[in-house]
Amino acid sequence: MGVCTALGIVLANIGAGLGIAGISNSIIHTSLVIVTVFNYFVFNQLLTFEQVIGVSLTVLGGVLVACDGMLFKGKKKAITSHVNDVPIL
């Protein structure tokens, strides 16, 4: 079991390094939701109130990250310096 966990952590870090950090990090953290839902359906483990809140907020965050381009289209403005309006980000 320890080898599989270590391999999973290494692969998750490689994946985060290859992609956009915010999106990769969001995808990595959804693994907790997957495990929680798996335990509920397979092992009939009841969810606590805190787990329900955590799963709900994680799913909401994932939806916001996934729909970022559609929800806030045209509302993003680049942060610029005052010298020649050069974008900082």
PDB file of N, CA and C in Angstrom:
ATOM      1  N   MET A   1       0.816  -1.185   0.000  1.00  0.00           N
ATOM      2  CA  MET A   1       0.000   0.000   0.000  1.00  0.00           C
ATOM      3  C   MET A   1       0.862   1.252   0.000  1.00  0.00           C
ATOM      4  N   GLY A   2       1.942   1.246   0.753  1.00  0.00           N
ATOM      5  CA  GLY A   2       2.805   2.420   0.838  1.00  0.00           C
ATOM      6  C   GLY A   2       3.431   2.773  -0.497  1.00  0.00           C
ATOM      7  N   VAL A   3       3.756   1.765  -1.298  1.00  0.00           N
ATOM      8  CA  VAL A   3       4.367   2.009  -2.605  1.00  0.00           C
ATOM      9  C   VAL A   3       3.365   2.688  -3.530  1.00  0.00           C
ATOM     10  N   CYS A   4       2.129   2.246  -3.515  1.00  0.00           N
ATOM     11  CA  CYS A   4       1.093   2.854  -4.361  1.00  0.00           C
ATOM     12  C   CYS A   4       0.821   4.299  -3.956  1.00  0.00           C
ATOM     13  N   THR A   5       0.816   4.566  -2.656  1.00  0.00           N
ATOM     14  CA  THR A   5       0.611   5.931  -2.176  1.00  0.00           C
ATOM     15  C   THR A   5       1.757   6.832  -2.604  1.00  0.00           C
ATOM     16  N   ALA A   6       2.973   6.344  -2.440  1.00  0.00           N
ATOM     17  CA  ALA A   6       4.145   7.126  -2.837  1.00  0.00           C
ATOM     18  C   ALA A   6       4.141   7.394  -4.342  1.00  0.00           C
ATOM     19  N   LEU A   7       3.802   6.383  -5.125  1.00  0.00           N
ATOM     20  CA  LEU A   7       3.748   6.551  -6.573  1.00  0.00           C
ATOM     21  C   LEU A   7       2.657   7.551  -6.958  1.00  0.00           C
ATOM     22  N   GLY A   8       1.523   7.495  -6.289  1.00  0.00           N
ATOM     23  CA  GLY A   8       0.441   8.446  -6.549  1.00  0.00           C
ATOM     24  C   GLY A   8       0.852   9.878  -6.248  1.00  0.00           C
ATOM     25  N   ILE A   9       1.565  10.081  -5.146  1.00  0.00           N
ATOM     26  CA  ILE A   9       2.027  11.423  -4.780  1.00  0.00           C
ATOM     27  C   ILE A   9       3.030  11.945  -5.800  1.00  0.00           C
ATOM     28  N   VAL A  10       3.945  11.080  -6.237  1.00  0.00           N
ATOM     29  CA  VAL A  10       4.945  11.483  -7.230  1.00  0.00           C
ATOM     30  C   VAL A  10       4.259  11.853  -8.542  1.00  0.00           C
ATOM     31  N   LEU A  11       3.323  11.030  -9.001  1.00  0.00           N
ATOM     32  CA  LEU A  11       2.626  11.317 -10.254  1.00  0.00           C
ATOM     33  C   LEU A  11       1.761  12.574 -10.155  1.00  0.00           C
ATOM     34  N   ALA A  12       1.155  12.804  -8.995  1.00  0.00           N
ATOM     35  CA  ALA A  12       0.360  14.023  -8.807  1.00  0.00           C
ATOM     36  C   ALA A  12       1.247  15.263  -8.874  1.00  0.00           C
ATOM     37  N   ASN A  13       2.434  15.188  -8.286  1.00  0.00           N
ATOM     38  CA  ASN A  13       3.355  16.319  -8.342  1.00  0.00           C
ATOM     39  C   ASN A  13       3.870  16.555  -9.750  1.00  0.00           C
ATOM     40  N   ILE A  14       4.130  15.490 -10.502  1.00  0.00           N
ATOM     41  CA  ILE A  14       4.561  15.639 -11.893  1.00  0.00           C
ATOM     42  C   ILE A  14       3.445  16.270 -12.715  1.00  0.00           C
ATOM     43  N   GLY A  15       2.215  15.810 -12.509  1.00  0.00           N
ATOM     44  CA  GLY A  15       1.076  16.386 -13.221  1.00  0.00           C
ATOM     45  C   GLY A  15       0.869  17.852 -12.891  1.00  0.00           C
ATOM     46  N   ALA A  16       1.050  18.218 -11.633  1.00  0.00           N
ATOM     47  CA  ALA A  16       0.903  19.618 -11.239  1.00  0.00           C
ATOM     48  C   ALA A  16       1.992  20.473 -11.869  1.00  0.00           C
ATOM     49  N   GLY A  17       3.173  19.904 -12.015  1.00  0.00           N
ATOM     50  CA  GLY A  17       4.270  20.641 -12.638  1.00  0.00           C
ATOM     51  C   GLY A  17       4.083  20.837 -14.125  1.00  0.00           C
ATOM     52  N   LEU A  18       3.371  19.947 -14.780  1.00  0.00           N
ATOM     53  CA  LEU A  18       3.168  20.036 -16.219  1.00  0.00           C
ATOM     54  C   LEU A  18       2.016  20.956 -16.600  1.00  0.00           C
ATOM     55  N   GLY A  19       1.088  21.160 -15.709  1.00  0.00           N
ATOM     56  CA  GLY A  19      -0.103  21.948 -16.038  1.00  0.00           C
ATOM     57  C   GLY A  19      -0.091  23.305 -15.378  1.00  0.00           C
ATOM     58  N   ILE A  20      -1.183  24.018 -15.536  1.00  0.00           N
ATOM     59  CA  ILE A  20      -1.362  25.310 -14.871  1.00  0.00           C
ATOM     60  C   ILE A  20      -1.588  25.015 -13.391  1.00  0.00           C
ATOM     61  N   ALA A  21      -0.853  25.683 -12.546  1.00  0.00           N
ATOM     62  CA  ALA A  21      -0.814  25.341 -11.122  1.00  0.00           C
ATOM     63  C   ALA A  21      -2.180  25.351 -10.455  1.00  0.00           C
ATOM     64  N   GLY A  22      -2.983  26.373 -10.682  1.00  0.00           N
ATOM     65  CA  GLY A  22      -4.283  26.466 -10.023  1.00  0.00           C
ATOM     66  C   GLY A  22      -5.228  25.358 -10.426  1.00  0.00           C
ATOM     67  N   ILE A  23      -5.267  25.071 -11.717  1.00  0.00           N
ATOM     68  CA  ILE A  23      -6.163  24.023 -12.204  1.00  0.00           C
ATOM     69  C   ILE A  23      -5.673  22.654 -11.759  1.00  0.00           C
ATOM     70  N   SER A  24      -4.363  22.423 -11.861  1.00  0.00           N
ATOM     71  CA  SER A  24      -3.810  21.130 -11.431  1.00  0.00           C
ATOM     72  C   SER A  24      -4.050  20.895  -9.949  1.00  0.00           C
ATOM     73  N   ASN A  25      -3.862  21.920  -9.150  1.00  0.00           N
ATOM     74  CA  ASN A  25      -4.067  21.802  -7.708  1.00  0.00           C
ATOM     75  C   ASN A  25      -5.535  21.507  -7.394  1.00  0.00           C
ATOM     76  N   SER A  26      -6.437  22.125  -8.124  1.00  0.00           N
ATOM     77  CA  SER A  26      -7.864  21.869  -7.910  1.00  0.00           C
ATOM     78  C   SER A  26      -8.220  20.425  -8.232  1.00  0.00           C
ATOM     79  N   ILE A  27      -7.679  19.905  -9.310  1.00  0.00           N
ATOM     80  CA  ILE A  27      -7.950  18.521  -9.693  1.00  0.00           C
ATOM     81  C   ILE A  27      -7.380  17.550  -8.671  1.00  0.00           C
ATOM     82  N   ILE A  28      -6.173  17.830  -8.179  1.00  0.00           N
ATOM     83  CA  ILE A  28      -5.541  16.950  -7.187  1.00  0.00           C
ATOM     84  C   ILE A  28      -6.384  16.889  -5.916  1.00  0.00           C
ATOM     85  N   HIS A  29      -6.933  18.019  -5.482  1.00  0.00           N
ATOM     86  CA  HIS A  29      -7.698  18.040  -4.236  1.00  0.00           C
ATOM     87  C   HIS A  29      -9.089  17.420  -4.362  1.00  0.00           C
ATOM     88  N   THR A  30      -9.546  17.167  -5.565  1.00  0.00           N
ATOM     89  CA  THR A  30     -10.832  16.487  -5.702  1.00  0.00           C
ATOM     90  C   THR A  30     -10.721  15.000  -5.372  1.00  0.00           C
ATOM     91  N   SER A  31      -9.504  14.499  -5.223  1.00  0.00           N
ATOM     92  CA  SER A  31      -9.345  13.082  -4.864  1.00  0.00           C
ATOM     93  C   SER A  31      -9.996  12.778  -3.518  1.00  0.00           C
ATOM     94  N   LEU A  32      -9.999  13.742  -2.603  1.00  0.00           N
ATOM     95  CA  LEU A  32     -10.659  13.535  -1.312  1.00  0.00           C
ATOM     96  C   LEU A  32     -12.160  13.351  -1.482  1.00  0.00           C
ATOM     97  N   VAL A  33     -12.755  14.088  -2.417  1.00  0.00           N
ATOM     98  CA  VAL A  33     -14.177  13.943  -2.690  1.00  0.00           C
ATOM     99  C   VAL A  33     -14.458  12.562  -3.265  1.00  0.00           C
ATOM    100  N   ILE A  34     -13.620  12.123  -4.184  1.00  0.00           N
ATOM    101  CA  ILE A  34     -13.799  10.811  -4.810  1.00  0.00           C
ATOM    102  C   ILE A  34     -13.729   9.704  -3.761  1.00  0.00           C
ATOM    103  N   VAL A  35     -12.771   9.790  -2.851  1.00  0.00           N
ATOM    104  CA  VAL A  35     -12.644   8.776  -1.796  1.00  0.00           C
ATOM    105  C   VAL A  35     -13.853   8.813  -0.868  1.00  0.00           C
ATOM    106  N   THR A  36     -14.321   9.993  -0.516  1.00  0.00           N
ATOM    107  CA  THR A  36     -15.479  10.113   0.374  1.00  0.00           C
ATOM    108  C   THR A  36     -16.733   9.528  -0.257  1.00  0.00           C
ATOM    109  N   VAL A  37     -16.975   9.858  -1.526  1.00  0.00           N
ATOM    110  CA  VAL A  37     -18.154   9.330  -2.216  1.00  0.00           C
ATOM    111  C   VAL A  37     -18.026   7.819  -2.424  1.00  0.00           C
ATOM    112  N   PHE A  38     -16.819   7.348  -2.720  1.00  0.00           N
ATOM    113  CA  PHE A  38     -16.578   5.906  -2.873  1.00  0.00           C
ATOM    114  C   PHE A  38     -16.899   5.166  -1.577  1.00  0.00           C
ATOM    115  N   ASN A  39     -16.429   5.695  -0.451  1.00  0.00           N
ATOM    116  CA  ASN A  39     -16.704   5.062   0.839  1.00  0.00           C
ATOM    117  C   ASN A  39     -18.199   5.052   1.158  1.00  0.00           C
ATOM    118  N   TYR A  40     -18.898   6.107   0.761  1.00  0.00           N
ATOM    119  CA  TYR A  40     -20.336   6.176   1.023  1.00  0.00           C
ATOM    120  C   TYR A  40     -21.085   5.085   0.251  1.00  0.00           C
ATOM    121  N   PHE A  41     -20.772   4.936  -1.032  1.00  0.00           N
ATOM    122  CA  PHE A  41     -21.516   3.987  -1.865  1.00  0.00           C
ATOM    123  C   PHE A  41     -21.030   2.543  -1.723  1.00  0.00           C
ATOM    124  N   VAL A  42     -19.743   2.321  -1.577  1.00  0.00           N
ATOM    125  CA  VAL A  42     -19.208   0.953  -1.535  1.00  0.00           C
ATOM    126  C   VAL A  42     -19.255   0.375  -0.128  1.00  0.00           C
ATOM    127  N   PHE A  43     -18.823   1.153   0.860  1.00  0.00           N
ATOM    128  CA  PHE A  43     -18.736   0.637   2.229  1.00  0.00           C
ATOM    129  C   PHE A  43     -19.877   1.105   3.121  1.00  0.00           C
ATOM    130  N   ASN A  44     -20.856   1.823   2.553  1.00  0.00           N
ATOM    131  CA  ASN A  44     -22.009   2.336   3.302  1.00  0.00           C
ATOM    132  C   ASN A  44     -21.602   3.150   4.527  1.00  0.00           C
ATOM    133  N   GLN A  45     -20.497   3.887   4.389  1.00  0.00           N
ATOM    134  CA  GLN A  45     -20.033   4.748   5.473  1.00  0.00           C
ATOM    135  C   GLN A  45     -20.848   6.032   5.461  1.00  0.00           C
ATOM    136  N   LEU A  46     -21.453   6.366   6.586  1.00  0.00           N
ATOM    137  CA  LEU A  46     -22.252   7.583   6.672  1.00  0.00           C
ATOM    138  C   LEU A  46     -21.349   8.807   6.664  1.00  0.00           C
ATOM    139  N   LEU A  47     -21.819   9.871   6.017  1.00  0.00           N
ATOM    140  CA  LEU A  47     -21.056  11.106   5.959  1.00  0.00           C
ATOM    141  C   LEU A  47     -21.408  11.987   7.148  1.00  0.00           C
ATOM    142  N   THR A  48     -20.398  12.616   7.721  1.00  0.00           N
ATOM    143  CA  THR A  48     -20.640  13.574   8.790  1.00  0.00           C
ATOM    144  C   THR A  48     -21.034  14.911   8.168  1.00  0.00           C
ATOM    145  N   PHE A  49     -21.543  15.799   8.988  1.00  0.00           N
ATOM    146  CA  PHE A  49     -21.927  17.131   8.515  1.00  0.00           C
ATOM    147  C   PHE A  49     -20.717  17.856   7.910  1.00  0.00           C
ATOM    148  N   GLU A  50     -19.558  17.717   8.563  1.00  0.00           N
ATOM    149  CA  GLU A  50     -18.353  18.364   8.078  1.00  0.00           C
ATOM    150  C   GLU A  50     -17.937  17.821   6.711  1.00  0.00           C
ATOM    151  N   GLN A  51     -18.096  16.513   6.499  1.00  0.00           N
ATOM    152  CA  GLN A  51     -17.757  15.927   5.207  1.00  0.00           C
ATOM    153  C   GLN A  51     -18.691  16.421   4.109  1.00  0.00           C
ATOM    154  N   VAL A  52     -19.974  16.554   4.429  1.00  0.00           N
ATOM    155  CA  VAL A  52     -20.934  17.064   3.447  1.00  0.00           C
ATOM    156  C   VAL A  52     -20.577  18.498   3.059  1.00  0.00           C
ATOM    157  N   ILE A  53     -20.249  19.323   4.040  1.00  0.00           N
ATOM    158  CA  ILE A  53     -19.842  20.707   3.758  1.00  0.00           C
ATOM    159  C   ILE A  53     -18.560  20.718   2.933  1.00  0.00           C
ATOM    160  N   GLY A  54     -17.584  19.897   3.298  1.00  0.00           N
ATOM    161  CA  GLY A  54     -16.323  19.841   2.568  1.00  0.00           C
ATOM    162  C   GLY A  54     -16.494  19.390   1.129  1.00  0.00           C
ATOM    163  N   VAL A  55     -17.298  18.348   0.921  1.00  0.00           N
ATOM    164  CA  VAL A  55     -17.546  17.854  -0.436  1.00  0.00           C
ATOM    165  C   VAL A  55     -18.271  18.922  -1.251  1.00  0.00           C
ATOM    166  N   SER A  56     -19.256  19.569  -0.654  1.00  0.00           N
ATOM    167  CA  SER A  56     -20.012  20.594  -1.367  1.00  0.00           C
ATOM    168  C   SER A  56     -19.128  21.762  -1.783  1.00  0.00           C
ATOM    169  N   LEU A  57     -18.288  22.248  -0.868  1.00  0.00           N
ATOM    170  CA  LEU A  57     -17.410  23.366  -1.187  1.00  0.00           C
ATOM    171  C   LEU A  57     -16.359  22.982  -2.227  1.00  0.00           C
ATOM    172  N   THR A  58     -15.860  21.752  -2.158  1.00  0.00           N
ATOM    173  CA  THR A  58     -14.877  21.302  -3.134  1.00  0.00           C
ATOM    174  C   THR A  58     -15.485  21.198  -4.520  1.00  0.00           C
ATOM    175  N   VAL A  59     -16.697  20.653  -4.603  1.00  0.00           N
ATOM    176  CA  VAL A  59     -17.375  20.553  -5.901  1.00  0.00           C
ATOM    177  C   VAL A  59     -17.674  21.947  -6.444  1.00  0.00           C
ATOM    178  N   LEU A  60     -18.141  22.847  -5.583  1.00  0.00           N
ATOM    179  CA  LEU A  60     -18.411  24.220  -6.011  1.00  0.00           C
ATOM    180  C   LEU A  60     -17.138  24.896  -6.515  1.00  0.00           C
ATOM    181  N   GLY A  61     -16.043  24.703  -5.815  1.00  0.00           N
ATOM    182  CA  GLY A  61     -14.771  25.271  -6.255  1.00  0.00           C
ATOM    183  C   GLY A  61     -14.323  24.703  -7.581  1.00  0.00           C
ATOM    184  N   GLY A  62     -14.504  23.394  -7.770  1.00  0.00           N
ATOM    185  CA  GLY A  62     -14.148  22.777  -9.048  1.00  0.00           C
ATOM    186  C   GLY A  62     -14.977  23.316 -10.194  1.00  0.00           C
ATOM    187  N   VAL A  63     -16.262  23.539  -9.941  1.00  0.00           N
ATOM    188  CA  VAL A  63     -17.138  24.099 -10.976  1.00  0.00           C
ATOM    189  C   VAL A  63     -16.698  25.521 -11.317  1.00  0.00           C
ATOM    190  N   LEU A  64     -16.365  26.308 -10.301  1.00  0.00           N
ATOM    191  CA  LEU A  64     -15.925  27.679 -10.554  1.00  0.00           C
ATOM    192  C   LEU A  64     -14.620  27.716 -11.342  1.00  0.00           C
ATOM    193  N   VAL A  65     -13.697  26.822 -11.037  1.00  0.00           N
ATOM    194  CA  VAL A  65     -12.439  26.771 -11.784  1.00  0.00           C
ATOM    195  C   VAL A  65     -12.690  26.319 -13.215  1.00  0.00           C
ATOM    196  N   ALA A  66     -13.544  25.325 -13.386  1.00  0.00           N
ATOM    197  CA  ALA A  66     -13.814  24.795 -14.725  1.00  0.00           C
ATOM    198  C   ALA A  66     -14.564  25.795 -15.599  1.00  0.00           C
ATOM    199  N   CYS A  67     -15.437  26.589 -14.999  1.00  0.00           N
ATOM    200  CA  CYS A  67     -16.264  27.531 -15.764  1.00  0.00           C
ATOM    201  C   CYS A  67     -15.707  28.947 -15.735  1.00  0.00           C
ATOM    202  N   ASP A  68     -14.486  29.125 -15.329  1.00  0.00           N
ATOM    203  CA  ASP A  68     -13.913  30.455 -15.160  1.00  0.00           C
ATOM    204  C   ASP A  68     -14.027  31.301 -16.419  1.00  0.00           C
ATOM    205  N   GLY A  69     -13.723  30.735 -17.565  1.00  0.00           N
ATOM    206  CA  GLY A  69     -13.791  31.488 -18.809  1.00  0.00           C
ATOM    207  C   GLY A  69     -15.201  31.862 -19.199  1.00  0.00           C
ATOM    208  N   MET A  70     -16.175  31.056 -18.820  1.00  0.00           N
ATOM    209  CA  MET A  70     -17.563  31.324 -19.204  1.00  0.00           C
ATOM    210  C   MET A  70     -18.260  32.277 -18.235  1.00  0.00           C
ATOM    211  N   LEU A  71     -17.961  32.171 -16.952  1.00  0.00           N
ATOM    212  CA  LEU A  71     -18.660  32.979 -15.958  1.00  0.00           C
ATOM    213  C   LEU A  71     -18.181  34.426 -15.933  1.00  0.00           C
ATOM    214  N   PHE A  72     -16.900  34.608 -16.114  1.00  0.00           N
ATOM    215  CA  PHE A  72     -16.327  35.940 -15.960  1.00  0.00           C
ATOM    216  C   PHE A  72     -15.781  36.485 -17.277  1.00  0.00           C
ATOM    217  N   LYS A  73     -16.404  36.123 -18.360  1.00  0.00           N
ATOM    218  CA  LYS A  73     -15.928  36.528 -19.673  1.00  0.00           C
ATOM    219  C   LYS A  73     -16.030  38.041 -19.823  1.00  0.00           C
ATOM    220  N   GLY A  74     -14.911  38.641 -20.180  1.00  0.00           N
ATOM    221  CA  GLY A  74     -14.868  40.075 -20.401  1.00  0.00           C
ATOM    222  C   GLY A  74     -14.734  40.901 -19.139  1.00  0.00           C
ATOM    223  N   LYS A  75     -14.755  40.284 -17.974  1.00  0.00           N
ATOM    224  CA  LYS A  75     -14.668  41.045 -16.732  1.00  0.00           C
ATOM    225  C   LYS A  75     -13.260  41.066 -16.158  1.00  0.00           C
ATOM    226  N   LYS A  76     -12.368  40.233 -16.686  1.00  0.00           N
ATOM    227  CA  LYS A  76     -11.008  40.199 -16.170  1.00  0.00           C
ATOM    228  C   LYS A  76     -10.199  41.307 -16.813  1.00  0.00           C
ATOM    229  N   LYS A  77      -9.426  41.966 -16.001  1.00  0.00           N
ATOM    230  CA  LYS A  77      -8.521  42.974 -16.521  1.00  0.00           C
ATOM    231  C   LYS A  77      -7.128  42.646 -16.009  1.00  0.00           C
ATOM    232  N   ALA A  78      -6.158  42.787 -16.883  1.00  0.00           N
ATOM    233  CA  ALA A  78      -4.784  42.511 -16.490  1.00  0.00           C
ATOM    234  C   ALA A  78      -4.305  43.601 -15.538  1.00  0.00           C
ATOM    235  N   ILE A  79      -3.556  43.194 -14.539  1.00  0.00           N
ATOM    236  CA  ILE A  79      -2.945  44.158 -13.636  1.00  0.00           C
ATOM    237  C   ILE A  79      -1.733  44.727 -14.359  1.00  0.00           C
ATOM    238  N   THR A  80      -1.676  46.030 -14.472  1.00  0.00           N
ATOM    239  CA  THR A  80      -0.577  46.646 -15.206  1.00  0.00           C
ATOM    240  C   THR A  80       0.191  47.576 -14.301  1.00  0.00           C
ATOM    241  N   SER A  81       1.455  47.779 -14.671  1.00  0.00           N
ATOM    242  CA  SER A  81       2.248  48.784 -13.965  1.00  0.00           C
ATOM    243  C   SER A  81       1.893  50.146 -14.557  1.00  0.00           C
ATOM    244  N   HIS A  82       2.271  51.188 -13.891  1.00  0.00           N
ATOM    245  CA  HIS A  82       1.953  52.528 -14.373  1.00  0.00           C
ATOM    246  C   HIS A  82       2.920  52.982 -15.466  1.00  0.00           C
ATOM    247  N   VAL A  83       3.988  52.239 -15.671  1.00  0.00           N
ATOM    248  CA  VAL A  83       4.972  52.612 -16.679  1.00  0.00           C
ATOM    249  C   VAL A  83       4.639  51.873 -17.976  1.00  0.00           C
ATOM    250  N   ASN A  84       4.192  52.588 -18.967  1.00  0.00           N
ATOM    251  CA  ASN A  84       3.888  52.067 -20.297  1.00  0.00           C
ATOM    252  C   ASN A  84       2.800  50.992 -20.292  1.00  0.00           C
ATOM    253  N   ASP A  85       2.008  50.892 -19.243  1.00  0.00           N
ATOM    254  CA  ASP A  85       0.936  49.899 -19.133  1.00  0.00           C
ATOM    255  C   ASP A  85       1.391  48.497 -19.492  1.00  0.00           C
ATOM    256  N   VAL A  86       2.498  48.069 -18.902  1.00  0.00           N
ATOM    257  CA  VAL A  86       3.043  46.733 -19.143  1.00  0.00           C
ATOM    258  C   VAL A  86       2.351  45.761 -18.184  1.00  0.00           C
ATOM    259  N   PRO A  87       1.765  44.675 -18.721  1.00  0.00           N
ATOM    260  CA  PRO A  87       1.096  43.700 -17.836  1.00  0.00           C
ATOM    261  C   PRO A  87       2.070  43.076 -16.849  1.00  0.00           C
ATOM    262  N   ILE A  88       1.647  42.990 -15.600  1.00  0.00           N
ATOM    263  CA  ILE A  88       2.465  42.358 -14.566  1.00  0.00           C
ATOM    264  C   ILE A  88       2.251  40.859 -14.581  1.00  0.00           C
ATOM    265  N   LEU A  89       1.014  40.420 -14.771  1.00  0.00           N
ATOM    266  CA  LEU A  89       0.713  38.992 -14.751  1.00  0.00           C
ATOM    267  C   LEU A  89       0.740  38.417 -16.136  1.00  0.00           C
TER     268      LEU A  89
END
